[in-house]
Amino acid sequence: MGTTIDFRSPVPVYEQLAGILRNQIRAGELPPDEQLPSQKDLVTTYKVARGTAARAVKMLQEEGLARRVPGKGIYVWRRA
């Protein structure tokens, strides 16, 4: 998976975005304990809807790659 969203792809946009972030985590570009980009930043960078960004981040949380720290944001989880 690349670093851009293919809006013509049959793969849902939120899955593509989650894949980009997942690859950045696994490659160490987003190291453990680093805050993930905000929804606003994801919207601006990837030209996706806010709900799409939220769903992609939720996928990472469900996979155990990220976790929400109340009042702080969402961070890459150490186990990634």
PDB file of N, CA and C in Angstrom:
ATOM      1  N   MET A   1       0.843  -1.179   0.000  1.00  0.00           N
ATOM      2  CA  MET A   1       0.000   0.000   0.000  1.00  0.00           C
ATOM      3  C   MET A   1       0.882   1.234   0.000  1.00  0.00           C
ATOM      4  N   GLY A   2       0.525   2.205  -0.782  1.00  0.00           N
ATOM      5  CA  GLY A   2       1.312   3.427  -0.895  1.00  0.00           C
ATOM      6  C   GLY A   2       1.019   4.421   0.208  1.00  0.00           C
ATOM      7  N   THR A   3       1.315   5.660  -0.097  1.00  0.00           N
ATOM      8  CA  THR A   3       1.079   6.720   0.884  1.00  0.00           C
ATOM      9  C   THR A   3      -0.004   7.683   0.414  1.00  0.00           C
ATOM     10  N   THR A   4      -0.721   7.284  -0.620  1.00  0.00           N
ATOM     11  CA  THR A   4      -1.806   8.121  -1.119  1.00  0.00           C
ATOM     12  C   THR A   4      -3.091   7.297  -1.163  1.00  0.00           C
ATOM     13  N   ILE A   5      -4.194   8.008  -1.180  1.00  0.00           N
ATOM     14  CA  ILE A   5      -5.507   7.383  -1.252  1.00  0.00           C
ATOM     15  C   ILE A   5      -5.928   7.305  -2.712  1.00  0.00           C
ATOM     16  N   ASP A   6      -6.378   6.135  -3.136  1.00  0.00           N
ATOM     17  CA  ASP A   6      -6.911   5.960  -4.491  1.00  0.00           C
ATOM     18  C   ASP A   6      -8.432   5.952  -4.382  1.00  0.00           C
ATOM     19  N   PHE A   7      -9.028   7.090  -4.712  1.00  0.00           N
ATOM     20  CA  PHE A   7     -10.470   7.231  -4.564  1.00  0.00           C
ATOM     21  C   PHE A   7     -11.256   6.401  -5.582  1.00  0.00           C
ATOM     22  N   ARG A   8     -10.574   5.818  -6.569  1.00  0.00           N
ATOM     23  CA  ARG A   8     -11.234   4.960  -7.557  1.00  0.00           C
ATOM     24  C   ARG A   8     -11.137   3.486  -7.191  1.00  0.00           C
ATOM     25  N   SER A   9     -10.386   3.190  -6.152  1.00  0.00           N
ATOM     26  CA  SER A   9     -10.173   1.805  -5.733  1.00  0.00           C
ATOM     27  C   SER A   9     -11.447   1.211  -5.131  1.00  0.00           C
ATOM     28  N   PRO A  10     -11.638  -0.098  -5.305  1.00  0.00           N
ATOM     29  CA  PRO A  10     -12.773  -0.749  -4.646  1.00  0.00           C
ATOM     30  C   PRO A  10     -12.565  -0.888  -3.128  1.00  0.00           C
ATOM     31  N   VAL A  11     -11.330  -0.691  -2.662  1.00  0.00           N
ATOM     32  CA  VAL A  11     -11.040  -0.754  -1.229  1.00  0.00           C
ATOM     33  C   VAL A  11     -11.559   0.534  -0.586  1.00  0.00           C
ATOM     34  N   PRO A  12     -12.369   0.416   0.467  1.00  0.00           N
ATOM     35  CA  PRO A  12     -12.903   1.620   1.108  1.00  0.00           C
ATOM     36  C   PRO A  12     -11.792   2.582   1.538  1.00  0.00           C
ATOM     37  N   VAL A  13     -12.077   3.863   1.451  1.00  0.00           N
ATOM     38  CA  VAL A  13     -11.090   4.891   1.758  1.00  0.00           C
ATOM     39  C   VAL A  13     -10.585   4.761   3.194  1.00  0.00           C
ATOM     40  N   TYR A  14     -11.471   4.464   4.141  1.00  0.00           N
ATOM     41  CA  TYR A  14     -11.025   4.353   5.536  1.00  0.00           C
ATOM     42  C   TYR A  14     -10.043   3.197   5.698  1.00  0.00           C
ATOM     43  N   GLU A  15     -10.239   2.108   4.947  1.00  0.00           N
ATOM     44  CA  GLU A  15      -9.299   0.982   5.013  1.00  0.00           C
ATOM     45  C   GLU A  15      -7.955   1.361   4.411  1.00  0.00           C
ATOM     46  N   GLN A  16      -7.977   2.132   3.331  1.00  0.00           N
ATOM     47  CA  GLN A  16      -6.727   2.588   2.730  1.00  0.00           C
ATOM     48  C   GLN A  16      -5.957   3.478   3.711  1.00  0.00           C
ATOM     49  N   LEU A  17      -6.672   4.406   4.358  1.00  0.00           N
ATOM     50  CA  LEU A  17      -6.030   5.307   5.306  1.00  0.00           C
ATOM     51  C   LEU A  17      -5.486   4.527   6.503  1.00  0.00           C
ATOM     52  N   ALA A  18      -6.258   3.592   7.021  1.00  0.00           N
ATOM     53  CA  ALA A  18      -5.778   2.758   8.125  1.00  0.00           C
ATOM     54  C   ALA A  18      -4.523   1.997   7.695  1.00  0.00           C
ATOM     55  N   GLY A  19      -4.495   1.519   6.460  1.00  0.00           N
ATOM     56  CA  GLY A  19      -3.326   0.805   5.947  1.00  0.00           C
ATOM     57  C   GLY A  19      -2.092   1.693   5.878  1.00  0.00           C
ATOM     58  N   ILE A  20      -2.275   2.933   5.464  1.00  0.00           N
ATOM     59  CA  ILE A  20      -1.154   3.879   5.411  1.00  0.00           C
ATOM     60  C   ILE A  20      -0.595   4.098   6.813  1.00  0.00           C
ATOM     61  N   LEU A  21      -1.495   4.362   7.768  1.00  0.00           N
ATOM     62  CA  LEU A  21      -1.056   4.594   9.146  1.00  0.00           C
ATOM     63  C   LEU A  21      -0.432   3.333   9.740  1.00  0.00           C
ATOM     64  N   ARG A  22      -1.015   2.176   9.460  1.00  0.00           N
ATOM     65  CA  ARG A  22      -0.481   0.894   9.944  1.00  0.00           C
ATOM     66  C   ARG A  22       0.949   0.697   9.429  1.00  0.00           C
ATOM     67  N   ASN A  23       1.154   0.978   8.158  1.00  0.00           N
ATOM     68  CA  ASN A  23       2.493   0.831   7.578  1.00  0.00           C
ATOM     69  C   ASN A  23       3.481   1.804   8.210  1.00  0.00           C
ATOM     70  N   GLN A  24       3.035   3.033   8.507  1.00  0.00           N
ATOM     71  CA  GLN A  24       3.912   4.008   9.154  1.00  0.00           C
ATOM     72  C   GLN A  24       4.285   3.555  10.559  1.00  0.00           C
ATOM     73  N   ILE A  25       3.341   2.931  11.251  1.00  0.00           N
ATOM     74  CA  ILE A  25       3.626   2.413  12.593  1.00  0.00           C
ATOM     75  C   ILE A  25       4.630   1.272  12.497  1.00  0.00           C
ATOM     76  N   ARG A  26       4.392   0.337  11.620  1.00  0.00           N
ATOM     77  CA  ARG A  26       5.267  -0.840  11.506  1.00  0.00           C
ATOM     78  C   ARG A  26       6.659  -0.476  10.996  1.00  0.00           C
ATOM     79  N   ALA A  27       6.755   0.590  10.187  1.00  0.00           N
ATOM     80  CA  ALA A  27       8.051   1.028   9.669  1.00  0.00           C
ATOM     81  C   ALA A  27       8.803   1.902  10.668  1.00  0.00           C
ATOM     82  N   GLY A  28       8.145   2.240  11.785  1.00  0.00           N
ATOM     83  CA  GLY A  28       8.791   3.076  12.786  1.00  0.00           C
ATOM     84  C   GLY A  28       8.680   4.561  12.514  1.00  0.00           C
ATOM     85  N   GLU A  29       7.975   4.930  11.451  1.00  0.00           N
ATOM     86  CA  GLU A  29       7.768   6.352  11.152  1.00  0.00           C
ATOM     87  C   GLU A  29       6.876   6.989  12.223  1.00  0.00           C
ATOM     88  N   LEU A  30       5.999   6.196  12.797  1.00  0.00           N
ATOM     89  CA  LEU A  30       5.187   6.587  13.951  1.00  0.00           C
ATOM     90  C   LEU A  30       5.580   5.628  15.066  1.00  0.00           C
ATOM     91  N   PRO A  31       6.569   6.001  15.882  1.00  0.00           N
ATOM     92  CA  PRO A  31       7.072   5.080  16.903  1.00  0.00           C
ATOM     93  C   PRO A  31       6.129   4.956  18.101  1.00  0.00           C
ATOM     94  N   PRO A  32       6.340   3.921  18.916  1.00  0.00           N
ATOM     95  CA  PRO A  32       5.520   3.740  20.115  1.00  0.00           C
ATOM     96  C   PRO A  32       5.506   4.999  20.974  1.00  0.00           C
ATOM     97  N   ASP A  33       4.347   5.268  21.535  1.00  0.00           N
ATOM     98  CA  ASP A  33       4.101   6.415  22.413  1.00  0.00           C
ATOM     99  C   ASP A  33       4.032   7.753  21.686  1.00  0.00           C
ATOM    100  N   GLU A  34       4.145   7.763  20.362  1.00  0.00           N
ATOM    101  CA  GLU A  34       3.979   9.007  19.613  1.00  0.00           C
ATOM    102  C   GLU A  34       2.501   9.211  19.305  1.00  0.00           C
ATOM    103  N   GLN A  35       2.072  10.452  19.392  1.00  0.00           N
ATOM    104  CA  GLN A  35       0.672  10.753  19.104  1.00  0.00           C
ATOM    105  C   GLN A  35       0.408  10.617  17.610  1.00  0.00           C
ATOM    106  N   LEU A  36      -0.725   9.991  17.277  1.00  0.00           N
ATOM    107  CA  LEU A  36      -1.134   9.908  15.877  1.00  0.00           C
ATOM    108  C   LEU A  36      -1.532  11.299  15.394  1.00  0.00           C
ATOM    109  N   PRO A  37      -1.462  11.537  14.081  1.00  0.00           N
ATOM    110  CA  PRO A  37      -1.953  12.808  13.566  1.00  0.00           C
ATOM    111  C   PRO A  37      -3.430  12.986  13.953  1.00  0.00           C
ATOM    112  N   SER A  38      -3.814  14.217  14.188  1.00  0.00           N
ATOM    113  CA  SER A  38      -5.204  14.499  14.548  1.00  0.00           C
ATOM    114  C   SER A  38      -6.120  14.221  13.362  1.00  0.00           C
ATOM    115  N   GLN A  39      -7.406  14.082  13.649  1.00  0.00           N
ATOM    116  CA  GLN A  39      -8.376  13.900  12.563  1.00  0.00           C
ATOM    117  C   GLN A  39      -8.281  15.060  11.582  1.00  0.00           C
ATOM    118  N   LYS A  40      -8.139  16.255  12.108  1.00  0.00           N
ATOM    119  CA  LYS A  40      -8.036  17.438  11.246  1.00  0.00           C
ATOM    120  C   LYS A  40      -6.815  17.327  10.321  1.00  0.00           C
ATOM    121  N   ASP A  41      -5.692  16.887  10.866  1.00  0.00           N
ATOM    122  CA  ASP A  41      -4.486  16.717  10.050  1.00  0.00           C
ATOM    123  C   ASP A  41      -4.673  15.629   8.997  1.00  0.00           C
ATOM    124  N   LEU A  42      -5.319  14.530   9.369  1.00  0.00           N
ATOM    125  CA  LEU A  42      -5.567  13.459   8.405  1.00  0.00           C
ATOM    126  C   LEU A  42      -6.490  13.939   7.287  1.00  0.00           C
ATOM    127  N   VAL A  43      -7.509  14.706   7.650  1.00  0.00           N
ATOM    128  CA  VAL A  43      -8.444  15.259   6.660  1.00  0.00           C
ATOM    129  C   VAL A  43      -7.689  16.148   5.673  1.00  0.00           C
ATOM    130  N   THR A  44      -6.842  17.007   6.197  1.00  0.00           N
ATOM    131  CA  THR A  44      -6.089  17.939   5.353  1.00  0.00           C
ATOM    132  C   THR A  44      -5.061  17.218   4.484  1.00  0.00           C
ATOM    133  N   THR A  45      -4.326  16.298   5.088  1.00  0.00           N
ATOM    134  CA  THR A  45      -3.247  15.607   4.373  1.00  0.00           C
ATOM    135  C   THR A  45      -3.769  14.679   3.289  1.00  0.00           C
ATOM    136  N   TYR A  46      -4.802  13.903   3.610  1.00  0.00           N
ATOM    137  CA  TYR A  46      -5.270  12.862   2.700  1.00  0.00           C
ATOM    138  C   TYR A  46      -6.551  13.215   1.954  1.00  0.00           C
ATOM    139  N   LYS A  47      -7.100  14.403   2.226  1.00  0.00           N
ATOM    140  CA  LYS A  47      -8.317  14.876   1.530  1.00  0.00           C
ATOM    141  C   LYS A  47      -9.480  13.905   1.703  1.00  0.00           C
ATOM    142  N   VAL A  48      -9.676  13.463   2.957  1.00  0.00           N
ATOM    143  CA  VAL A  48     -10.772  12.561   3.278  1.00  0.00           C
ATOM    144  C   VAL A  48     -11.736  13.271   4.221  1.00  0.00           C
ATOM    145  N   ALA A  49     -12.906  12.690   4.392  1.00  0.00           N
ATOM    146  CA  ALA A  49     -13.892  13.232   5.323  1.00  0.00           C
ATOM    147  C   ALA A  49     -13.455  12.939   6.762  1.00  0.00           C
ATOM    148  N   ARG A  50     -13.918  13.752   7.687  1.00  0.00           N
ATOM    149  CA  ARG A  50     -13.569  13.580   9.095  1.00  0.00           C
ATOM    150  C   ARG A  50     -14.024  12.206   9.614  1.00  0.00           C
ATOM    151  N   GLY A  51     -15.199  11.766   9.209  1.00  0.00           N
ATOM    152  CA  GLY A  51     -15.689  10.457   9.618  1.00  0.00           C
ATOM    153  C   GLY A  51     -14.816   9.331   9.105  1.00  0.00           C
ATOM    154  N   THR A  52     -14.274   9.508   7.913  1.00  0.00           N
ATOM    155  CA  THR A  52     -13.363   8.515   7.334  1.00  0.00           C
ATOM    156  C   THR A  52     -12.095   8.419   8.172  1.00  0.00           C
ATOM    157  N   ALA A  53     -11.555   9.575   8.558  1.00  0.00           N
ATOM    158  CA  ALA A  53     -10.352   9.606   9.394  1.00  0.00           C
ATOM    159  C   ALA A  53     -10.633   8.940  10.733  1.00  0.00           C
ATOM    160  N   ALA A  54     -11.784   9.242  11.321  1.00  0.00           N
ATOM    161  CA  ALA A  54     -12.142   8.659  12.615  1.00  0.00           C
ATOM    162  C   ALA A  54     -12.268   7.141  12.513  1.00  0.00           C
ATOM    163  N   ARG A  55     -12.875   6.674  11.454  1.00  0.00           N
ATOM    164  CA  ARG A  55     -13.061   5.225  11.283  1.00  0.00           C
ATOM    165  C   ARG A  55     -11.722   4.518  11.091  1.00  0.00           C
ATOM    166  N   ALA A  56     -10.797   5.136  10.360  1.00  0.00           N
ATOM    167  CA  ALA A  56      -9.471   4.549  10.153  1.00  0.00           C
ATOM    168  C   ALA A  56      -8.724   4.436  11.477  1.00  0.00           C
ATOM    169  N   VAL A  57      -8.778   5.482  12.288  1.00  0.00           N
ATOM    170  CA  VAL A  57      -8.099   5.464  13.583  1.00  0.00           C
ATOM    171  C   VAL A  57      -8.746   4.439  14.506  1.00  0.00           C
ATOM    172  N   LYS A  58     -10.060   4.325  14.445  1.00  0.00           N
ATOM    173  CA  LYS A  58     -10.773   3.332  15.260  1.00  0.00           C
ATOM    174  C   LYS A  58     -10.312   1.919  14.887  1.00  0.00           C
ATOM    175  N   MET A  59     -10.081   1.674  13.605  1.00  0.00           N
ATOM    176  CA  MET A  59      -9.574   0.368  13.178  1.00  0.00           C
ATOM    177  C   MET A  59      -8.242   0.056  13.852  1.00  0.00           C
ATOM    178  N   LEU A  60      -7.359   1.057  13.891  1.00  0.00           N
ATOM    179  CA  LEU A  60      -6.049   0.862  14.513  1.00  0.00           C
ATOM    180  C   LEU A  60      -6.193   0.568  16.007  1.00  0.00           C
ATOM    181  N   GLN A  61      -7.142   1.238  16.642  1.00  0.00           N
ATOM    182  CA  GLN A  61      -7.389   0.981  18.057  1.00  0.00           C
ATOM    183  C   GLN A  61      -7.897  -0.449  18.254  1.00  0.00           C
ATOM    184  N   GLU A  62      -8.807  -0.877  17.401  1.00  0.00           N
ATOM    185  CA  GLU A  62      -9.364  -2.226  17.510  1.00  0.00           C
ATOM    186  C   GLU A  62      -8.297  -3.294  17.266  1.00  0.00           C
ATOM    187  N   GLU A  63      -7.306  -2.973  16.452  1.00  0.00           N
ATOM    188  CA  GLU A  63      -6.216  -3.906  16.159  1.00  0.00           C
ATOM    189  C   GLU A  63      -5.141  -3.888  17.241  1.00  0.00           C
ATOM    190  N   GLY A  64      -5.249  -2.970  18.181  1.00  0.00           N
ATOM    191  CA  GLY A  64      -4.254  -2.866  19.242  1.00  0.00           C
ATOM    192  C   GLY A  64      -3.011  -2.098  18.847  1.00  0.00           C
ATOM    193  N   LEU A  65      -3.071  -1.377  17.747  1.00  0.00           N
ATOM    194  CA  LEU A  65      -1.915  -0.596  17.305  1.00  0.00           C
ATOM    195  C   LEU A  65      -1.907   0.820  17.881  1.00  0.00           C
ATOM    196  N   ALA A  66      -3.046   1.267  18.371  1.00  0.00           N
ATOM    197  CA  ALA A  66      -3.155   2.610  18.930  1.00  0.00           C
ATOM    198  C   ALA A  66      -4.126   2.574  20.098  1.00  0.00           C
ATOM    199  N   ARG A  67      -3.972   3.555  20.984  1.00  0.00           N
ATOM    200  CA  ARG A  67      -4.927   3.653  22.083  1.00  0.00           C
ATOM    201  C   ARG A  67      -5.174   5.108  22.434  1.00  0.00           C
ATOM    202  N   ARG A  68      -6.395   5.363  22.894  1.00  0.00           N
ATOM    203  CA  ARG A  68      -6.805   6.704  23.280  1.00  0.00           C
ATOM    204  C   ARG A  68      -6.362   6.966  24.709  1.00  0.00           C
ATOM    205  N   VAL A  69      -5.742   8.124  24.910  1.00  0.00           N
ATOM    206  CA  VAL A  69      -5.398   8.585  26.243  1.00  0.00           C
ATOM    207  C   VAL A  69      -6.349   9.738  26.536  1.00  0.00           C
ATOM    208  N   PRO A  70      -7.288   9.540  27.465  1.00  0.00           N
ATOM    209  CA  PRO A  70      -8.297  10.566  27.729  1.00  0.00           C
ATOM    210  C   PRO A  70      -7.680  11.947  27.987  1.00  0.00           C
ATOM    211  N   GLY A  71      -8.212  12.922  27.281  1.00  0.00           N
ATOM    212  CA  GLY A  71      -7.754  14.295  27.440  1.00  0.00           C
ATOM    213  C   GLY A  71      -6.457  14.614  26.720  1.00  0.00           C
ATOM    214  N   LYS A  72      -5.847  13.618  26.080  1.00  0.00           N
ATOM    215  CA  LYS A  72      -4.551  13.823  25.418  1.00  0.00           C
ATOM    216  C   LYS A  72      -4.595  13.565  23.923  1.00  0.00           C
ATOM    217  N   GLY A  73      -5.230  12.473  23.526  1.00  0.00           N
ATOM    218  CA  GLY A  73      -5.267  12.112  22.111  1.00  0.00           C
ATOM    219  C   GLY A  73      -5.090  10.620  21.929  1.00  0.00           C
ATOM    220  N   ILE A  74      -4.740  10.238  20.719  1.00  0.00           N
ATOM    221  CA  ILE A  74      -4.556   8.825  20.393  1.00  0.00           C
ATOM    222  C   ILE A  74      -3.079   8.600  20.077  1.00  0.00           C
ATOM    223  N   TYR A  75      -2.531   7.584  20.711  1.00  0.00           N
ATOM    224  CA  TYR A  75      -1.095   7.319  20.619  1.00  0.00           C
ATOM    225  C   TYR A  75      -0.832   5.924  20.075  1.00  0.00           C
ATOM    226  N   VAL A  76       0.341   5.788  19.443  1.00  0.00           N
ATOM    227  CA  VAL A  76       0.794   4.478  18.994  1.00  0.00           C
ATOM    228  C   VAL A  76       1.049   3.650  20.242  1.00  0.00           C
ATOM    229  N   TRP A  77       0.536   2.437  20.259  1.00  0.00           N
ATOM    230  CA  TRP A  77       0.675   1.565  21.415  1.00  0.00           C
ATOM    231  C   TRP A  77       2.001   0.846  21.352  1.00  0.00           C
ATOM    232  N   ARG A  78       2.608   0.630  22.467  1.00  0.00           N
ATOM    233  CA  ARG A  78       3.953   0.024  22.558  1.00  0.00           C
ATOM    234  C   ARG A  78       4.037  -1.341  21.891  1.00  0.00           C
ATOM    235  N   ARG A  79       2.940  -2.092  21.947  1.00  0.00           N
ATOM    236  CA  ARG A  79       2.965  -3.452  21.398  1.00  0.00           C
ATOM    237  C   ARG A  79       3.059  -3.476  19.876  1.00  0.00           C
ATOM    238  N   ALA A  80       2.849  -2.336  19.229  1.00  0.00           N
ATOM    239  CA  ALA A  80       2.876  -2.290  17.762  1.00  0.00           C
ATOM    240  C   ALA A  80       4.233  -2.702  17.280  1.00  0.00           C
TER     241      ALA A  80
END
